Protein backbone atom coordinates (compact mmCIF):
# COMPACT_ATOMS: atom_id res chain seq x y z
CA MET A 1 23.68 -0.26 -10.31
CA SER A 2 22.79 -3.69 -8.97
CA GLU A 3 22.06 -2.05 -5.63
CA HIS A 4 19.50 0.20 -7.30
CA VAL A 5 17.79 -2.80 -8.87
CA LYS A 6 17.78 -4.53 -5.49
CA ASP A 7 16.20 -1.46 -3.87
CA ARG A 8 13.49 -1.37 -6.52
CA SER A 9 12.63 -5.05 -6.08
CA GLN A 10 12.56 -4.58 -2.31
CA GLY A 11 10.14 -1.68 -2.81
CA GLN A 12 7.87 -3.89 -4.89
CA THR A 13 7.91 -6.55 -2.17
CA ASP A 14 7.09 -3.91 0.43
CA ASP A 15 4.22 -2.69 -1.74
CA LYS A 16 2.80 -6.21 -2.03
CA GLN A 17 2.97 -6.61 1.73
CA LEU A 18 1.27 -3.25 2.26
CA VAL A 19 -1.45 -4.11 -0.25
CA ALA A 20 -2.10 -7.38 1.60
CA LEU A 21 -2.16 -5.57 4.94
CA LEU A 22 -4.59 -2.92 3.72
CA LYS A 23 -6.88 -5.52 2.17
CA GLU A 24 -6.87 -7.60 5.35
CA LYS A 25 -7.28 -4.75 7.83
CA THR A 26 -9.75 -2.58 5.93
CA GLY A 27 -11.41 -4.68 3.23
CA ILE A 28 -10.47 -2.42 0.32
CA SER A 29 -9.58 -3.91 -3.06
CA GLU A 30 -6.05 -4.58 -4.29
CA ALA A 31 -6.41 -1.79 -6.86
CA GLU A 32 -7.57 0.67 -4.21
CA ALA A 33 -4.68 -0.30 -1.93
CA SER A 34 -2.15 0.12 -4.75
CA GLU A 35 -3.56 3.54 -5.59
CA LEU A 36 -3.32 4.67 -1.97
CA ILE A 37 0.32 3.60 -1.84
CA LYS A 38 1.03 5.61 -4.99
CA GLU A 39 -0.72 8.66 -3.56
CA PHE A 40 0.40 8.57 0.07
CA GLY A 41 3.63 6.57 0.13
CA ARG A 42 4.42 3.68 2.47
CA ASP A 43 3.59 5.12 5.88
CA ARG A 44 1.38 2.43 7.42
CA PRO A 45 -0.62 4.60 9.83
CA SER A 46 -1.43 7.08 7.06
CA LEU A 47 -2.35 4.30 4.65
CA LEU A 48 -4.59 2.60 7.18
CA ARG A 49 -6.32 5.90 7.98
CA GLU A 50 -6.90 6.65 4.30
CA ALA A 51 -8.02 3.09 3.55
CA ARG A 52 -10.57 3.19 6.38
CA PHE A 53 -11.83 6.53 5.15
CA LEU A 54 -12.09 5.17 1.60
CA LYS A 55 -13.98 2.10 2.79
CA ALA A 56 -16.37 4.22 4.85
CA THR A 57 -17.25 6.38 1.86
CA HIS A 58 -18.20 3.41 -0.33
């Protein structure tokens, strides 16, 4: 069970890093970045593509 908790905390760290990356690279908000991660998972190229599209439509 402790391994599961470790995996979950690692996932949260990964999410924070992805949020920071998306904000830096595309200029979207933290909330928008978090929502994209929930919708599309953690695949960086897909997230960057979607974040750029989102930014372009605003």
